Amino acid sequence: MEGERPHLSADLTTPYLRKAPTPPGHEDADTAVIAVVITLVFLTLLTVLVVIGIYLYRNQGSYRTYEQPEPDVAPRAEEAPAKEKEEYFI
């Protein structure tokens, strides 16, 4: 163990990472590709929303039930004509 050297804090840290060199013009191409992909995703979502909206608009329908209507057990008695109300003065 005589040949080992003590660990220094510099040995334990990650070396400084530099940006990889890219050929000129590729950064603009990357930005254009990203913009095209975002635009296509946006247009796809917009198209899906329009198609769903058209489908829902055309298939509104009405609420229909196929149950038998409840029969009236007792016919409604017509109310007697109301008599003139009496007024009480206190």
PDB file of N, CA and C in Angstrom:
ATOM      1  N   MET A   1       0.810  -1.174   0.000  1.00  0.00           N
ATOM      2  CA  MET A   1       0.000   0.000   0.000  1.00  0.00           C
ATOM      3  C   MET A   1       0.859   1.244   0.000  1.00  0.00           C
ATOM      4  N   GLU A   2       2.108   1.034  -0.189  1.00  0.00           N
ATOM      5  CA  GLU A   2       2.987   2.184  -0.183  1.00  0.00           C
ATOM      6  C   GLU A   2       2.857   2.981  -1.462  1.00  0.00           C
ATOM      7  N   GLY A   3       2.472   2.325  -2.575  1.00  0.00           N
ATOM      8  CA  GLY A   3       2.405   3.011  -3.851  1.00  0.00           C
ATOM      9  C   GLY A   3       1.111   3.791  -4.055  1.00  0.00           C
ATOM     10  N   GLU A   4       0.151   3.619  -3.175  1.00  0.00           N
ATOM     11  CA  GLU A   4      -1.121   4.337  -3.341  1.00  0.00           C
ATOM     12  C   GLU A   4      -0.944   5.781  -2.912  1.00  0.00           C
ATOM     13  N   ARG A   5      -1.614   6.619  -3.631  1.00  0.00           N
ATOM     14  CA  ARG A   5      -1.594   8.015  -3.231  1.00  0.00           C
ATOM     15  C   ARG A   5      -2.932   8.354  -2.598  1.00  0.00           C
ATOM     16  N   PRO A   6      -2.989   9.289  -1.730  1.00  0.00           N
ATOM     17  CA  PRO A   6      -4.241   9.627  -1.044  1.00  0.00           C
ATOM     18  C   PRO A   6      -5.239  10.255  -2.028  1.00  0.00           C
ATOM     19  N   HIS A   7      -6.521  10.008  -1.767  1.00  0.00           N
ATOM     20  CA  HIS A   7      -7.572  10.560  -2.623  1.00  0.00           C
ATOM     21  C   HIS A   7      -7.678  12.060  -2.409  1.00  0.00           C
ATOM     22  N   LEU A   8      -7.639  12.765  -3.477  1.00  0.00           N
ATOM     23  CA  LEU A   8      -7.810  14.214  -3.406  1.00  0.00           C
ATOM     24  C   LEU A   8      -9.234  14.545  -3.817  1.00  0.00           C
ATOM     25  N   SER A   9      -9.735  15.653  -3.368  1.00  0.00           N
ATOM     26  CA  SER A   9     -11.110  16.039  -3.705  1.00  0.00           C
ATOM     27  C   SER A   9     -11.254  16.286  -5.199  1.00  0.00           C
ATOM     28  N   ALA A  10     -10.194  16.657  -5.872  1.00  0.00           N
ATOM     29  CA  ALA A  10     -10.251  16.899  -7.311  1.00  0.00           C
ATOM     30  C   ALA A  10     -10.464  15.594  -8.071  1.00  0.00           C
ATOM     31  N   ASP A  11     -10.012  14.486  -7.527  1.00  0.00           N
ATOM     32  CA  ASP A  11     -10.186  13.202  -8.180  1.00  0.00           C
ATOM     33  C   ASP A  11     -11.634  12.730  -8.117  1.00  0.00           C
ATOM     34  N   LEU A  12     -12.374  13.168  -7.117  1.00  0.00           N
ATOM     35  CA  LEU A  12     -13.724  12.688  -6.910  1.00  0.00           C
ATOM     36  C   LEU A  12     -14.777  13.505  -7.664  1.00  0.00           C
ATOM     37  N   THR A  13     -14.415  14.625  -8.169  1.00  0.00           N
ATOM     38  CA  THR A  13     -15.396  15.472  -8.859  1.00  0.00           C
ATOM     39  C   THR A  13     -15.426  15.160 -10.341  1.00  0.00           C
ATOM     40  N   THR A  14     -16.539  15.532 -10.976  1.00  0.00           N
ATOM     41  CA  THR A  14     -16.699  15.328 -12.410  1.00  0.00           C
ATOM     42  C   THR A  14     -15.916  16.401 -13.147  1.00  0.00           C
ATOM     43  N   PRO A  15     -15.205  16.024 -14.164  1.00  0.00           N
ATOM     44  CA  PRO A  15     -14.470  17.050 -14.920  1.00  0.00           C
ATOM     45  C   PRO A  15     -15.435  18.012 -15.594  1.00  0.00           C
ATOM     46  N   TYR A  16     -14.986  19.204 -15.842  1.00  0.00           N
ATOM     47  CA  TYR A  16     -15.810  20.238 -16.466  1.00  0.00           C
ATOM     48  C   TYR A  16     -16.273  19.758 -17.842  1.00  0.00           C
ATOM     49  N   LEU A  17     -17.572  19.766 -18.054  1.00  0.00           N
ATOM     50  CA  LEU A  17     -18.121  19.309 -19.325  1.00  0.00           C
ATOM     51  C   LEU A  17     -18.266  20.485 -20.265  1.00  0.00           C
ATOM     52  N   ARG A  18     -17.683  20.349 -21.414  1.00  0.00           N
ATOM     53  CA  ARG A  18     -17.795  21.391 -22.416  1.00  0.00           C
ATOM     54  C   ARG A  18     -18.820  20.981 -23.461  1.00  0.00           C
ATOM     55  N   LYS A  19     -19.449  21.981 -24.090  1.00  0.00           N
ATOM     56  CA  LYS A  19     -20.423  21.720 -25.146  1.00  0.00           C
ATOM     57  C   LYS A  19     -19.689  21.087 -26.325  1.00  0.00           C
ATOM     58  N   ALA A  20     -20.265  20.020 -26.838  1.00  0.00           N
ATOM     59  CA  ALA A  20     -19.638  19.344 -27.970  1.00  0.00           C
ATOM     60  C   ALA A  20     -19.687  20.266 -29.182  1.00  0.00           C
ATOM     61  N   PRO A  21     -18.623  20.331 -29.900  1.00  0.00           N
ATOM     62  CA  PRO A  21     -18.628  21.218 -31.076  1.00  0.00           C
ATOM     63  C   PRO A  21     -19.549  20.661 -32.164  1.00  0.00           C
ATOM     64  N   THR A  22     -20.394  21.522 -32.693  1.00  0.00           N
ATOM     65  CA  THR A  22     -21.276  21.119 -33.785  1.00  0.00           C
ATOM     66  C   THR A  22     -20.893  21.895 -35.028  1.00  0.00           C
ATOM     67  N   PRO A  23     -21.028  21.257 -36.155  1.00  0.00           N
ATOM     68  CA  PRO A  23     -20.696  21.969 -37.395  1.00  0.00           C
ATOM     69  C   PRO A  23     -21.616  23.176 -37.569  1.00  0.00           C
ATOM     70  N   PRO A  24     -21.107  24.234 -38.182  1.00  0.00           N
ATOM     71  CA  PRO A  24     -21.940  25.424 -38.365  1.00  0.00           C
ATOM     72  C   PRO A  24     -23.152  25.113 -39.246  1.00  0.00           C
ATOM     73  N   GLY A  25     -24.283  25.669 -38.870  1.00  0.00           N
ATOM     74  CA  GLY A  25     -25.504  25.473 -39.650  1.00  0.00           C
ATOM     75  C   GLY A  25     -26.392  24.379 -39.101  1.00  0.00           C
ATOM     76  N   HIS A  26     -25.838  23.476 -38.297  1.00  0.00           N
ATOM     77  CA  HIS A  26     -26.642  22.383 -37.750  1.00  0.00           C
ATOM     78  C   HIS A  26     -27.555  22.853 -36.619  1.00  0.00           C
ATOM     79  N   GLU A  27     -27.146  23.892 -35.894  1.00  0.00           N
ATOM     80  CA  GLU A  27     -27.991  24.400 -34.817  1.00  0.00           C
ATOM     81  C   GLU A  27     -29.288  24.971 -35.381  1.00  0.00           C
ATOM     82  N   ASP A  28     -29.187  25.666 -36.507  1.00  0.00           N
ATOM     83  CA  ASP A  28     -30.392  26.211 -37.138  1.00  0.00           C
ATOM     84  C   ASP A  28     -31.286  25.090 -37.655  1.00  0.00           C
ATOM     85  N   ALA A  29     -30.671  24.037 -38.169  1.00  0.00           N
ATOM     86  CA  ALA A  29     -31.445  22.903 -38.672  1.00  0.00           C
ATOM     87  C   ALA A  29     -32.148  22.197 -37.517  1.00  0.00           C
ATOM     88  N   ASP A  30     -31.482  22.064 -36.387  1.00  0.00           N
ATOM     89  CA  ASP A  30     -32.105  21.444 -35.223  1.00  0.00           C
ATOM     90  C   ASP A  30     -33.303  22.260 -34.741  1.00  0.00           C
ATOM     91  N   THR A  31     -33.151  23.554 -34.720  1.00  0.00           N
ATOM     92  CA  THR A  31     -34.253  24.425 -34.302  1.00  0.00           C
ATOM     93  C   THR A  31     -35.420  24.314 -35.266  1.00  0.00           C
ATOM     94  N   ALA A  32     -35.139  24.215 -36.538  1.00  0.00           N
ATOM     95  CA  ALA A  32     -36.206  24.088 -37.537  1.00  0.00           C
ATOM     96  C   ALA A  32     -36.933  22.750 -37.384  1.00  0.00           C
ATOM     97  N   VAL A  33     -36.204  21.698 -37.126  1.00  0.00           N
ATOM     98  CA  VAL A  33     -36.825  20.380 -36.950  1.00  0.00           C
ATOM     99  C   VAL A  33     -37.724  20.394 -35.717  1.00  0.00           C
ATOM    100  N   ILE A  34     -37.268  20.976 -34.636  1.00  0.00           N
ATOM    101  CA  ILE A  34     -38.075  21.062 -33.420  1.00  0.00           C
ATOM    102  C   ILE A  34     -39.342  21.881 -33.680  1.00  0.00           C
ATOM    103  N   ALA A  35     -39.218  22.990 -34.396  1.00  0.00           N
ATOM    104  CA  ALA A  35     -40.373  23.826 -34.708  1.00  0.00           C
ATOM    105  C   ALA A  35     -41.383  23.075 -35.574  1.00  0.00           C
ATOM    106  N   VAL A  36     -40.905  22.305 -36.529  1.00  0.00           N
ATOM    107  CA  VAL A  36     -41.804  21.541 -37.401  1.00  0.00           C
ATOM    108  C   VAL A  36     -42.532  20.461 -36.598  1.00  0.00           C
ATOM    109  N   VAL A  37     -41.828  19.785 -35.718  1.00  0.00           N
ATOM    110  CA  VAL A  37     -42.453  18.735 -34.905  1.00  0.00           C
ATOM    111  C   VAL A  37     -43.518  19.329 -33.994  1.00  0.00           C
ATOM    112  N   ILE A  38     -43.220  20.444 -33.348  1.00  0.00           N
ATOM    113  CA  ILE A  38     -44.201  21.096 -32.471  1.00  0.00           C
ATOM    114  C   ILE A  38     -45.411  21.550 -33.277  1.00  0.00           C
ATOM    115  N   THR A  39     -45.197  22.087 -34.458  1.00  0.00           N
ATOM    116  CA  THR A  39     -46.304  22.528 -35.305  1.00  0.00           C
ATOM    117  C   THR A  39     -47.172  21.349 -35.721  1.00  0.00           C
ATOM    118  N   LEU A  40     -46.559  20.231 -36.095  1.00  0.00           N
ATOM    119  CA  LEU A  40     -47.333  19.053 -36.494  1.00  0.00           C
ATOM    120  C   LEU A  40     -48.152  18.497 -35.326  1.00  0.00           C
ATOM    121  N   VAL A  41     -47.582  18.487 -34.142  1.00  0.00           N
ATOM    122  CA  VAL A  41     -48.326  18.018 -32.967  1.00  0.00           C
ATOM    123  C   VAL A  41     -49.502  18.936 -32.702  1.00  0.00           C
ATOM    124  N   PHE A  42     -49.298  20.239 -32.775  1.00  0.00           N
ATOM    125  CA  PHE A  42     -50.375  21.205 -32.559  1.00  0.00           C
ATOM    126  C   PHE A  42     -51.487  21.034 -33.595  1.00  0.00           C
ATOM    127  N   LEU A  43     -51.120  20.894 -34.855  1.00  0.00           N
ATOM    128  CA  LEU A  43     -52.130  20.720 -35.908  1.00  0.00           C
ATOM    129  C   LEU A  43     -52.884  19.402 -35.743  1.00  0.00           C
ATOM    130  N   THR A  44     -52.193  18.365 -35.324  1.00  0.00           N
ATOM    131  CA  THR A  44     -52.856  17.077 -35.096  1.00  0.00           C
ATOM    132  C   THR A  44     -53.879  17.193 -33.968  1.00  0.00           C
ATOM    133  N   LEU A  45     -53.503  17.822 -32.863  1.00  0.00           N
ATOM    134  CA  LEU A  45     -54.441  18.012 -31.755  1.00  0.00           C
ATOM    135  C   LEU A  45     -55.626  18.870 -32.170  1.00  0.00           C
ATOM    136  N   LEU A  46     -55.379  19.910 -32.934  1.00  0.00           N
ATOM    137  CA  LEU A  46     -56.461  20.773 -33.407  1.00  0.00           C
ATOM    138  C   LEU A  46     -57.409  20.002 -34.316  1.00  0.00           C
ATOM    139  N   THR A  47     -56.866  19.173 -35.198  1.00  0.00           N
ATOM    140  CA  THR A  47     -57.698  18.365 -36.091  1.00  0.00           C
ATOM    141  C   THR A  47     -58.547  17.373 -35.303  1.00  0.00           C
ATOM    142  N   VAL A  48     -57.963  16.750 -34.306  1.00  0.00           N
ATOM    143  CA  VAL A  48     -58.713  15.802 -33.477  1.00  0.00           C
ATOM    144  C   VAL A  48     -59.849  16.516 -32.754  1.00  0.00           C
ATOM    145  N   LEU A  49     -59.593  17.690 -32.214  1.00  0.00           N
ATOM    146  CA  LEU A  49     -60.639  18.446 -31.529  1.00  0.00           C
ATOM    147  C   LEU A  49     -61.770  18.833 -32.475  1.00  0.00           C
ATOM    148  N   VAL A  50     -61.433  19.229 -33.693  1.00  0.00           N
ATOM    149  CA  VAL A  50     -62.459  19.589 -34.674  1.00  0.00           C
ATOM    150  C   VAL A  50     -63.293  18.368 -35.045  1.00  0.00           C
ATOM    151  N   VAL A  51     -62.655  17.235 -35.268  1.00  0.00           N
ATOM    152  CA  VAL A  51     -63.383  16.019 -35.629  1.00  0.00           C
ATOM    153  C   VAL A  51     -64.308  15.589 -34.491  1.00  0.00           C
ATOM    154  N   ILE A  52     -63.828  15.656 -33.250  1.00  0.00           N
ATOM    155  CA  ILE A  52     -64.679  15.307 -32.110  1.00  0.00           C
ATOM    156  C   ILE A  52     -65.845  16.284 -31.999  1.00  0.00           C
ATOM    157  N   GLY A  53     -65.596  17.562 -32.211  1.00  0.00           N
ATOM    158  CA  GLY A  53     -66.670  18.560 -32.159  1.00  0.00           C
ATOM    159  C   GLY A  53     -67.728  18.312 -33.216  1.00  0.00           C
ATOM    160  N   ILE A  54     -67.320  18.003 -34.441  1.00  0.00           N
ATOM    161  CA  ILE A  54     -68.279  17.719 -35.512  1.00  0.00           C
ATOM    162  C   ILE A  54     -69.076  16.466 -35.186  1.00  0.00           C
ATOM    163  N   TYR A  55     -68.413  15.449 -34.666  1.00  0.00           N
ATOM    164  CA  TYR A  55     -69.108  14.204 -34.306  1.00  0.00           C
ATOM    165  C   TYR A  55     -70.151  14.465 -33.226  1.00  0.00           C
ATOM    166  N   LEU A  56     -69.770  15.196 -32.200  1.00  0.00           N
ATOM    167  CA  LEU A  56     -70.712  15.476 -31.117  1.00  0.00           C
ATOM    168  C   LEU A  56     -71.863  16.354 -31.589  1.00  0.00           C
ATOM    169  N   TYR A  57     -71.595  17.282 -32.499  1.00  0.00           N
ATOM    170  CA  TYR A  57     -72.649  18.155 -33.003  1.00  0.00           C
ATOM    171  C   TYR A  57     -73.665  17.359 -33.833  1.00  0.00           C
ATOM    172  N   ARG A  58     -73.179  16.463 -34.654  1.00  0.00           N
ATOM    173  CA  ARG A  58     -74.079  15.692 -35.520  1.00  0.00           C
ATOM    174  C   ARG A  58     -74.843  14.611 -34.764  1.00  0.00           C
ATOM    175  N   ASN A  59     -74.314  14.120 -33.687  1.00  0.00           N
ATOM    176  CA  ASN A  59     -74.942  13.037 -32.949  1.00  0.00           C
ATOM    177  C   ASN A  59     -75.503  13.511 -31.610  1.00  0.00           C
ATOM    178  N   GLN A  60     -76.106  14.696 -31.615  1.00  0.00           N
ATOM    179  CA  GLN A  60     -76.687  15.204 -30.380  1.00  0.00           C
ATOM    180  C   GLN A  60     -77.812  14.296 -29.922  1.00  0.00           C
ATOM    181  N   GLY A  61     -78.738  14.013 -30.815  1.00  0.00           N
ATOM    182  CA  GLY A  61     -79.839  13.116 -30.487  1.00  0.00           C
ATOM    183  C   GLY A  61     -80.728  13.693 -29.402  1.00  0.00           C
ATOM    184  N   SER A  62     -81.758  12.978 -29.120  1.00  0.00           N
ATOM    185  CA  SER A  62     -82.638  13.391 -28.044  1.00  0.00           C
ATOM    186  C   SER A  62     -82.698  12.252 -27.035  1.00  0.00           C
ATOM    187  N   TYR A  63     -83.113  12.590 -25.879  1.00  0.00           N
ATOM    188  CA  TYR A  63     -83.171  11.598 -24.816  1.00  0.00           C
ATOM    189  C   TYR A  63     -84.438  10.789 -24.985  1.00  0.00           C
ATOM    190  N   ARG A  64     -84.266   9.513 -25.270  1.00  0.00           N
ATOM    191  CA  ARG A  64     -85.422   8.639 -25.466  1.00  0.00           C
ATOM    192  C   ARG A  64     -85.341   7.495 -24.484  1.00  0.00           C
ATOM    193  N   THR A  65     -86.495   7.204 -23.892  1.00  0.00           N
ATOM    194  CA  THR A  65     -86.560   6.020 -23.039  1.00  0.00           C
ATOM    195  C   THR A  65     -87.606   5.095 -23.623  1.00  0.00           C
ATOM    196  N   TYR A  66     -87.407   3.836 -23.415  1.00  0.00           N
ATOM    197  CA  TYR A  66     -88.344   2.864 -23.955  1.00  0.00           C
ATOM    198  C   TYR A  66     -89.201   2.249 -22.842  1.00  0.00           C
ATOM    199  N   GLU A  67     -89.288   2.958 -21.728  1.00  0.00           N
ATOM    200  CA  GLU A  67     -90.120   2.495 -20.631  1.00  0.00           C
ATOM    201  C   GLU A  67     -91.571   2.880 -20.897  1.00  0.00           C
ATOM    202  N   GLN A  68     -92.453   2.092 -20.338  1.00  0.00           N
ATOM    203  CA  GLN A  68     -93.872   2.411 -20.458  1.00  0.00           C
ATOM    204  C   GLN A  68     -94.184   3.583 -19.533  1.00  0.00           C
ATOM    205  N   PRO A  69     -94.997   4.522 -20.006  1.00  0.00           N
ATOM    206  CA  PRO A  69     -95.348   5.640 -19.130  1.00  0.00           C
ATOM    207  C   PRO A  69     -96.219   5.144 -17.978  1.00  0.00           C
ATOM    208  N   GLU A  70     -96.067   5.776 -16.835  1.00  0.00           N
ATOM    209  CA  GLU A  70     -96.838   5.366 -15.666  1.00  0.00           C
ATOM    210  C   GLU A  70     -98.302   5.756 -15.854  1.00  0.00           C
ATOM    211  N   PRO A  71     -99.185   4.814 -15.652  1.00  0.00           N
ATOM    212  CA  PRO A  71    -100.606   5.168 -15.789  1.00  0.00           C
ATOM    213  C   PRO A  71    -101.049   6.003 -14.593  1.00  0.00           C
ATOM    214  N   ASP A  72    -101.974   6.929 -14.847  1.00  0.00           N
ATOM    215  CA  ASP A  72    -102.520   7.739 -13.768  1.00  0.00           C
ATOM    216  C   ASP A  72    -103.447   6.872 -12.954  1.00  0.00           C
ATOM    217  N   VAL A  73    -103.184   6.756 -11.684  1.00  0.00           N
ATOM    218  CA  VAL A  73    -103.978   5.903 -10.815  1.00  0.00           C
ATOM    219  C   VAL A  73    -105.352   6.519 -10.615  1.00  0.00           C
ATOM    220  N   ALA A  74    -105.368   7.756 -10.292  1.00  0.00           N
ATOM    221  CA  ALA A  74    -106.650   8.424 -10.082  1.00  0.00           C
ATOM    222  C   ALA A  74    -106.708   9.627 -11.012  1.00  0.00           C
ATOM    223  N   PRO A  75    -107.840   9.767 -11.691  1.00  0.00           N
ATOM    224  CA  PRO A  75    -107.931  10.950 -12.543  1.00  0.00           C
ATOM    225  C   PRO A  75    -107.916  12.198 -11.681  1.00  0.00           C
ATOM    226  N   ARG A  76    -107.332  13.188 -12.210  1.00  0.00           N
ATOM    227  CA  ARG A  76    -107.214  14.435 -11.463  1.00  0.00           C
ATOM    228  C   ARG A  76    -108.580  15.082 -11.333  1.00  0.00           C
ATOM    229  N   ALA A  77    -108.905  15.363 -10.132  1.00  0.00           N
ATOM    230  CA  ALA A  77    -110.198  16.020  -9.891  1.00  0.00           C
ATOM    231  C   ALA A  77    -110.027  17.508 -10.153  1.00  0.00           C
ATOM    232  N   GLU A  78    -110.961  18.021 -10.875  1.00  0.00           N
ATOM    233  CA  GLU A  78    -110.908  19.449 -11.161  1.00  0.00           C
ATOM    234  C   GLU A  78    -111.276  20.204  -9.905  1.00  0.00           C
ATOM    235  N   GLU A  79    -110.546  21.212  -9.648  1.00  0.00           N
ATOM    236  CA  GLU A  79    -110.808  21.997  -8.452  1.00  0.00           C
ATOM    237  C   GLU A  79    -112.075  22.811  -8.646  1.00  0.00           C
ATOM    238  N   ALA A  80    -112.812  22.938  -7.552  1.00  0.00           N
ATOM    239  CA  ALA A  80    -114.026  23.758  -7.594  1.00  0.00           C
ATOM    240  C   ALA A  80    -113.609  25.202  -7.787  1.00  0.00           C
ATOM    241  N   PRO A  81    -114.445  25.973  -8.454  1.00  0.00           N
ATOM    242  CA  PRO A  81    -114.071  27.370  -8.645  1.00  0.00           C
ATOM    243  C   PRO A  81    -113.879  28.041  -7.285  1.00  0.00           C
ATOM    244  N   ALA A  82    -112.846  28.783  -7.201  1.00  0.00           N
ATOM    245  CA  ALA A  82    -112.498  29.414  -5.934  1.00  0.00           C
ATOM    246  C   ALA A  82    -113.535  30.467  -5.575  1.00  0.00           C
ATOM    247  N   LYS A  83    -113.951  30.437  -4.331  1.00  0.00           N
ATOM    248  CA  LYS A  83    -114.900  31.440  -3.842  1.00  0.00           C
ATOM    249  C   LYS A  83    -114.115  32.696  -3.549  1.00  0.00           C
ATOM    250  N   GLU A  84    -114.813  33.738  -3.506  1.00  0.00           N
ATOM    251  CA  GLU A  84    -114.152  35.012  -3.235  1.00  0.00           C
ATOM    252  C   GLU A  84    -113.599  34.952  -1.823  1.00  0.00           C
ATOM    253  N   LYS A  85    -112.385  35.339  -1.673  1.00  0.00           N
ATOM    254  CA  LYS A  85    -111.722  35.273  -0.385  1.00  0.00           C
ATOM    255  C   LYS A  85    -112.317  36.331   0.543  1.00  0.00           C
ATOM    256  N   GLU A  86    -112.471  35.943   1.782  1.00  0.00           N
ATOM    257  CA  GLU A  86    -112.955  36.892   2.782  1.00  0.00           C
ATOM    258  C   GLU A  86    -111.760  37.616   3.369  1.00  0.00           C
ATOM    259  N   GLU A  87    -111.942  38.887   3.647  1.00  0.00           N
ATOM    260  CA  GLU A  87    -110.879  39.676   4.230  1.00  0.00           C
ATOM    261  C   GLU A  87    -111.209  39.949   5.677  1.00  0.00           C
ATOM    262  N   TYR A  88    -110.231  39.811   6.517  1.00  0.00           N
ATOM    263  CA  TYR A  88    -110.406  40.081   7.931  1.00  0.00           C
ATOM    264  C   TYR A  88    -109.523  41.276   8.288  1.00  0.00           C
ATOM    265  N   PHE A  89    -110.114  42.250   8.904  1.00  0.00           N
ATOM    266  CA  PHE A  89    -109.365  43.415   9.330  1.00  0.00           C
ATOM    267  C   PHE A  89    -109.139  43.313  10.817  1.00  0.00           C
ATOM    268  N   ILE A  90    -107.941  43.433  11.239  1.00  0.00           N
ATOM    269  CA  ILE A  90    -107.655  43.323  12.664  1.00  0.00           C
ATOM    270  C   ILE A  90    -107.476  44.699  13.246  1.00  0.00           C
TER     271      ILE A  90
END
